[in-house]
N, C-alpha and C. Protein backbone atom coordinates (compact mmCIF):
# COMPACT_ATOMS: atom_id res chain seq x y z
N MET A 1 33.03 -62.58 -70.63
CA MET A 1 32.04 -62.16 -70.45
C MET A 1 31.72 -60.96 -71.33
N ILE A 2 30.99 -60.85 -72.16
CA ILE A 2 30.64 -59.58 -73.40
C ILE A 2 30.05 -58.86 -72.73
N ASP A 3 30.88 -57.43 -73.17
CA ASP A 3 30.65 -55.56 -72.77
C ASP A 3 29.08 -55.81 -74.06
N LEU A 4 27.85 -55.88 -73.26
CA LEU A 4 26.56 -55.82 -74.30
C LEU A 4 26.58 -54.02 -74.86
N LYS A 5 27.68 -53.11 -73.87
CA LYS A 5 27.09 -51.86 -74.42
C LYS A 5 27.87 -51.89 -75.46
N THR A 6 28.69 -52.47 -75.75
CA THR A 6 29.66 -52.27 -77.05
C THR A 6 29.83 -53.03 -78.04
N LYS A 7 29.45 -54.56 -77.52
CA LYS A 7 29.36 -55.50 -78.09
C LYS A 7 28.14 -56.57 -78.45
N GLY A 8 27.81 -56.84 -79.07
CA GLY A 8 26.44 -58.26 -79.85
C GLY A 8 25.40 -57.00 -79.79
N ASN A 9 24.34 -57.41 -79.79
CA ASN A 9 22.90 -56.58 -80.19
C ASN A 9 21.85 -56.57 -79.25
N THR A 10 22.02 -55.21 -78.66
CA THR A 10 21.49 -55.15 -77.49
C THR A 10 20.21 -53.65 -77.60
N ARG A 11 19.55 -53.96 -76.30
CA ARG A 11 18.69 -52.70 -76.20
C ARG A 11 18.90 -51.82 -77.10
N SER A 12 20.08 -51.01 -76.55
CA SER A 12 20.38 -49.65 -77.23
C SER A 12 20.88 -49.83 -78.99
N GLY A 13 21.69 -51.26 -79.28
CA GLY A 13 21.80 -51.35 -80.30
C GLY A 13 20.97 -52.32 -81.30
N PHE A 14 19.72 -52.76 -81.09
CA PHE A 14 18.56 -53.82 -81.83
C PHE A 14 19.22 -54.24 -83.52
N TYR A 15 19.11 -54.91 -83.92
CA TYR A 15 19.43 -55.31 -85.33
C TYR A 15 18.43 -56.32 -85.62
N LYS A 16 17.71 -55.56 -87.21
CA LYS A 16 16.70 -56.57 -88.00
C LYS A 16 17.35 -57.24 -89.04
N ARG A 17 17.26 -58.55 -88.86
CA ARG A 17 17.96 -59.24 -90.05
C ARG A 17 17.23 -59.26 -91.84
N GLU A 18 17.70 -58.78 -92.81
CA GLU A 18 17.30 -58.31 -94.04
C GLU A 18 18.57 -58.68 -95.02
N LYS A 19 18.09 -58.67 -96.48
CA LYS A 19 18.88 -59.73 -97.95
C LYS A 19 20.06 -59.21 -97.42
N GLN A 20 19.93 -57.83 -97.10
CA GLN A 20 21.22 -56.89 -97.53
C GLN A 20 22.19 -56.60 -96.35
N GLY A 21 21.78 -57.48 -95.07
CA GLY A 21 22.73 -57.43 -94.04
C GLY A 21 22.11 -57.02 -92.66
N MET A 22 23.06 -56.37 -91.43
CA MET A 22 22.14 -56.31 -90.60
C MET A 22 21.31 -54.18 -90.91
N ILE A 23 20.10 -54.49 -90.38
CA ILE A 23 19.82 -52.61 -90.33
C ILE A 23 19.49 -52.51 -89.06
N TRP A 24 20.12 -50.95 -88.40
CA TRP A 24 20.03 -50.83 -87.41
C TRP A 24 18.79 -50.46 -87.19
N VAL A 25 17.76 -50.71 -86.30
CA VAL A 25 16.62 -49.98 -85.81
C VAL A 25 16.42 -49.56 -84.10
N ARG A 26 16.27 -48.25 -84.13
CA ARG A 26 16.95 -47.16 -83.19
C ARG A 26 15.63 -47.48 -82.56
N GLU A 27 14.00 -47.42 -82.68
CA GLU A 27 13.06 -47.98 -82.02
C GLU A 27 12.58 -49.07 -81.77
N ILE A 28 13.06 -49.62 -81.00
CA ILE A 28 13.24 -50.94 -80.62
C ILE A 28 11.36 -51.51 -80.15
N ASP A 29 10.83 -50.04 -79.35
CA ASP A 29 9.47 -50.64 -78.70
C ASP A 29 8.31 -50.91 -79.48
N LYS A 30 9.21 -50.42 -80.84
CA LYS A 30 7.50 -50.68 -82.12
C LYS A 30 7.94 -52.58 -82.66
N TYR A 31 8.91 -52.59 -82.33
CA TYR A 31 9.17 -54.26 -82.58
C TYR A 31 9.04 -55.51 -81.62
N TRP A 32 9.65 -55.06 -80.34
CA TRP A 32 9.43 -56.09 -79.33
C TRP A 32 8.90 -55.74 -78.06
N LYS A 33 8.14 -56.52 -77.60
CA LYS A 33 8.03 -56.34 -76.14
C LYS A 33 8.53 -57.31 -75.72
N GLU A 34 8.77 -57.42 -74.01
CA GLU A 34 9.12 -58.03 -72.96
C GLU A 34 7.71 -59.45 -73.10
N PRO A 35 8.26 -60.77 -72.84
CA PRO A 35 6.87 -61.63 -73.30
C PRO A 35 6.10 -61.46 -71.34
N TYR A 36 7.03 -61.55 -70.55
CA TYR A 36 6.12 -61.62 -68.90
C TYR A 36 7.44 -61.01 -68.16
N SER A 37 6.78 -60.68 -67.24
CA SER A 37 7.44 -59.70 -66.42
C SER A 37 8.40 -60.65 -65.19
N THR A 38 9.68 -60.66 -64.91
CA THR A 38 10.74 -61.14 -64.53
C THR A 38 11.03 -60.49 -62.68
N ASP A 39 10.14 -59.60 -62.93
CA ASP A 39 10.39 -58.61 -61.19
C ASP A 39 10.44 -59.60 -59.91
N LYS A 40 9.52 -60.78 -59.96
CA LYS A 40 9.34 -61.90 -58.58
C LYS A 40 10.57 -62.52 -58.92
N GLN A 41 11.37 -62.80 -59.84
CA GLN A 41 12.62 -63.80 -59.99
C GLN A 41 14.04 -62.50 -59.41
N LEU A 42 13.59 -61.68 -60.34
CA LEU A 42 15.16 -60.69 -59.78
C LEU A 42 15.32 -60.27 -58.18
N GLY A 43 13.82 -59.93 -58.01
CA GLY A 43 13.35 -59.84 -56.53
C GLY A 43 14.27 -60.48 -55.76
N CYS A 44 14.10 -62.31 -56.08
CA CYS A 44 14.31 -63.26 -55.14
C CYS A 44 15.99 -62.99 -55.16
N TYR A 45 16.79 -62.57 -56.86
CA TYR A 45 17.92 -62.62 -56.61
C TYR A 45 18.34 -61.60 -55.58
N VAL A 46 17.56 -60.07 -55.93
CA VAL A 46 17.94 -59.17 -54.77
C VAL A 46 18.10 -59.70 -53.26
N GLU A 47 17.03 -60.40 -53.28
CA GLU A 47 17.03 -60.58 -51.63
C GLU A 47 18.20 -61.77 -51.43
N MET A 48 18.51 -63.02 -52.09
CA MET A 48 19.65 -63.76 -51.87
C MET A 48 21.16 -62.82 -51.58
N LEU A 49 20.92 -61.75 -52.47
CA LEU A 49 22.60 -60.99 -52.07
C LEU A 49 22.27 -59.96 -51.08
N LYS A 50 21.35 -59.31 -50.82
CA LYS A 50 21.10 -59.06 -49.43
C LYS A 50 21.79 -59.64 -48.16
N LEU A 51 20.99 -60.82 -48.02
CA LEU A 51 20.77 -61.51 -47.10
C LEU A 51 22.20 -62.20 -46.84
N ASN A 52 22.85 -62.55 -48.01
CA ASN A 52 24.18 -63.73 -48.12
C ASN A 52 25.54 -62.92 -48.53
N TYR A 53 25.26 -61.62 -49.23
CA TYR A 53 26.56 -60.69 -49.34
C TYR A 53 26.51 -59.28 -49.03
N GLY A 54 25.21 -58.89 -48.37
CA GLY A 54 25.51 -57.83 -47.97
C GLY A 54 25.62 -56.93 -49.59
N ILE A 55 25.55 -57.34 -50.23
CA ILE A 55 25.23 -56.64 -51.70
C ILE A 55 23.78 -55.92 -52.11
N THR A 56 23.45 -54.42 -52.54
CA THR A 56 22.12 -54.24 -53.17
C THR A 56 22.20 -53.48 -54.27
N PRO A 57 21.76 -54.34 -55.28
CA PRO A 57 22.01 -53.35 -56.47
C PRO A 57 20.91 -52.01 -57.00
N ASP A 58 21.70 -51.32 -57.16
CA ASP A 58 21.03 -50.20 -57.78
C ASP A 58 19.73 -50.36 -58.57
N VAL A 59 19.62 -51.20 -59.70
CA VAL A 59 18.25 -52.04 -60.50
C VAL A 59 18.90 -52.45 -61.13
N CYS A 60 17.64 -53.60 -62.04
CA CYS A 60 17.94 -54.64 -62.19
C CYS A 60 17.39 -54.76 -63.74
N ASN A 61 17.90 -55.57 -64.53
CA ASN A 61 17.65 -55.72 -66.03
C ASN A 61 17.76 -57.13 -66.21
N THR A 62 16.66 -57.65 -67.11
CA THR A 62 16.22 -58.85 -67.87
C THR A 62 17.39 -58.93 -69.22
N ILE A 63 18.28 -59.93 -69.48
CA ILE A 63 18.80 -59.74 -70.72
C ILE A 63 18.04 -61.02 -71.54
N TRP A 64 17.17 -60.81 -72.28
CA TRP A 64 16.50 -61.56 -73.39
C TRP A 64 17.71 -62.07 -74.20
N ALA A 65 17.45 -63.30 -74.75
CA ALA A 65 18.64 -63.83 -75.87
C ALA A 65 17.57 -65.05 -76.22
N TYR A 66 17.71 -64.86 -77.25
CA TYR A 66 17.28 -65.05 -78.60
C TYR A 66 18.08 -65.47 -79.52
N PRO A 67 18.03 -66.15 -80.63
CA PRO A 67 18.92 -66.47 -81.59
C PRO A 67 19.28 -65.29 -82.37
N GLU A 68 20.81 -65.16 -82.11
CA GLU A 68 21.32 -63.73 -82.94
C GLU A 68 21.26 -62.83 -82.57
N VAL A 69 20.85 -62.89 -81.62
CA VAL A 69 19.93 -61.23 -80.31
C VAL A 69 19.87 -61.52 -79.43
N CYS A 70 20.87 -60.30 -78.89
CA CYS A 70 20.30 -60.19 -77.28
C CYS A 70 19.64 -58.77 -76.93
N ILE A 71 18.80 -58.67 -75.81
CA ILE A 71 18.03 -57.92 -75.66
C ILE A 71 18.14 -57.47 -74.35
N VAL A 72 18.80 -55.79 -73.78
CA VAL A 72 18.96 -55.74 -72.43
C VAL A 72 17.44 -54.54 -72.05
N GLY A 73 16.40 -55.61 -71.27
CA GLY A 73 14.79 -54.57 -71.52
C GLY A 73 15.56 -53.88 -70.24
N ALA A 74 13.98 -53.15 -69.93
CA ALA A 74 14.05 -51.66 -69.75
C ALA A 74 14.41 -51.65 -68.30
N ASN A 75 14.60 -50.93 -67.35
CA ASN A 75 15.67 -50.94 -65.72
C ASN A 75 14.38 -51.15 -65.33
N GLN A 76 14.46 -52.29 -64.04
CA GLN A 76 13.35 -52.57 -63.32
C GLN A 76 13.90 -52.07 -61.64
N PRO A 77 13.06 -51.12 -60.95
CA PRO A 77 14.11 -50.95 -59.92
C PRO A 77 13.29 -52.02 -58.96
N THR A 78 14.80 -51.85 -58.12
CA THR A 78 14.76 -52.82 -57.07
C THR A 78 13.38 -52.92 -56.26
N GLU A 79 13.33 -51.90 -55.68
CA GLU A 79 11.60 -51.91 -54.93
C GLU A 79 11.12 -52.68 -55.58
N ARG A 80 10.67 -52.42 -56.90
CA ARG A 80 9.24 -52.75 -57.41
C ARG A 80 9.60 -54.85 -57.54
N CYS A 81 10.64 -54.85 -57.72
CA CYS A 81 10.95 -56.40 -58.01
C CYS A 81 10.92 -56.94 -55.98
N GLU A 82 11.16 -56.28 -55.62
CA GLU A 82 11.69 -56.98 -53.93
C GLU A 82 9.84 -56.83 -53.59
N ALA A 83 9.21 -55.77 -53.87
CA ALA A 83 7.81 -56.35 -53.36
C ALA A 83 7.02 -57.30 -54.82
N ALA A 84 7.26 -57.82 -55.78
CA ALA A 84 6.89 -58.46 -56.31
C ALA A 84 7.32 -59.83 -55.86
N TRP A 85 8.51 -60.26 -55.24
CA TRP A 85 9.07 -61.40 -54.61
C TRP A 85 8.27 -61.61 -53.53
N GLN A 86 8.50 -60.61 -52.49
CA GLN A 86 7.53 -60.80 -51.27
C GLN A 86 6.24 -61.09 -51.06
N GLU A 87 5.39 -60.56 -52.05
CA GLU A 87 4.04 -60.56 -52.87
C GLU A 87 4.30 -62.32 -53.02
N ALA A 88 4.99 -62.74 -53.86
CA ALA A 88 4.91 -64.38 -54.57
C ALA A 88 5.72 -65.66 -53.34
N TRP A 89 6.17 -64.68 -52.85
CA TRP A 89 6.78 -65.35 -51.53
C TRP A 89 5.76 -65.88 -50.40
N THR A 90 4.71 -64.50 -49.84
CA THR A 90 3.41 -64.59 -49.28
C THR A 90 2.75 -65.64 -49.84
N LYS A 91 2.26 -65.46 -51.10
CA LYS A 91 0.81 -66.54 -51.59
C LYS A 91 1.65 -67.94 -51.32
N PHE A 92 2.72 -67.85 -51.55
CA PHE A 92 3.18 -69.47 -51.38
C PHE A 92 3.41 -69.85 -50.24
N GLU A 93 3.96 -69.28 -48.78
CA GLU A 93 3.54 -69.70 -48.05
C GLU A 93 2.39 -69.86 -47.46
N SER A 94 1.33 -69.07 -47.79
CA SER A 94 -0.03 -69.66 -47.38
C SER A 94 -0.80 -70.54 -47.73
N LYS A 95 -0.55 -71.52 -48.99
CA LYS A 95 -1.14 -72.22 -49.65
C LYS A 95 -0.64 -73.46 -48.92
N GLN A 96 0.97 -73.39 -47.82
CA GLN A 96 1.40 -74.31 -47.40
C GLN A 96 0.84 -74.72 -46.16
N GLU A 97 0.26 -76.22 -46.32
CA GLU A 97 0.14 -76.71 -45.05
C GLU A 97 0.83 -77.20 -43.89
N LEU A 98 0.08 -76.50 -42.75
CA LEU A 98 0.88 -76.82 -41.93
C LEU A 98 1.12 -78.33 -40.69
N PHE A 99 2.26 -79.14 -40.19
CA PHE A 99 1.92 -79.92 -39.96
C PHE A 99 1.99 -80.19 -38.82
């Protein structure tokens, strides 16, 4: 596993390719935005970790992987992710037919 804080291209070290080589772009938010919310998916993982392993993460993050660059998204509070997952699960269950 790569330590994304010190190696590779991350949110804190985003690179933009140009003819002369790699150029450091400090203000990543001007150039990139998360394509969609991953709160529901991460909320499901949080619930699975709690139920099966008794682990509660402090914060969730999404790593967006693209050719030649990885971007660590903004911190996503576990409470927000869990609430999004519960909302999605409740919506799913309400659409299921009872036997």
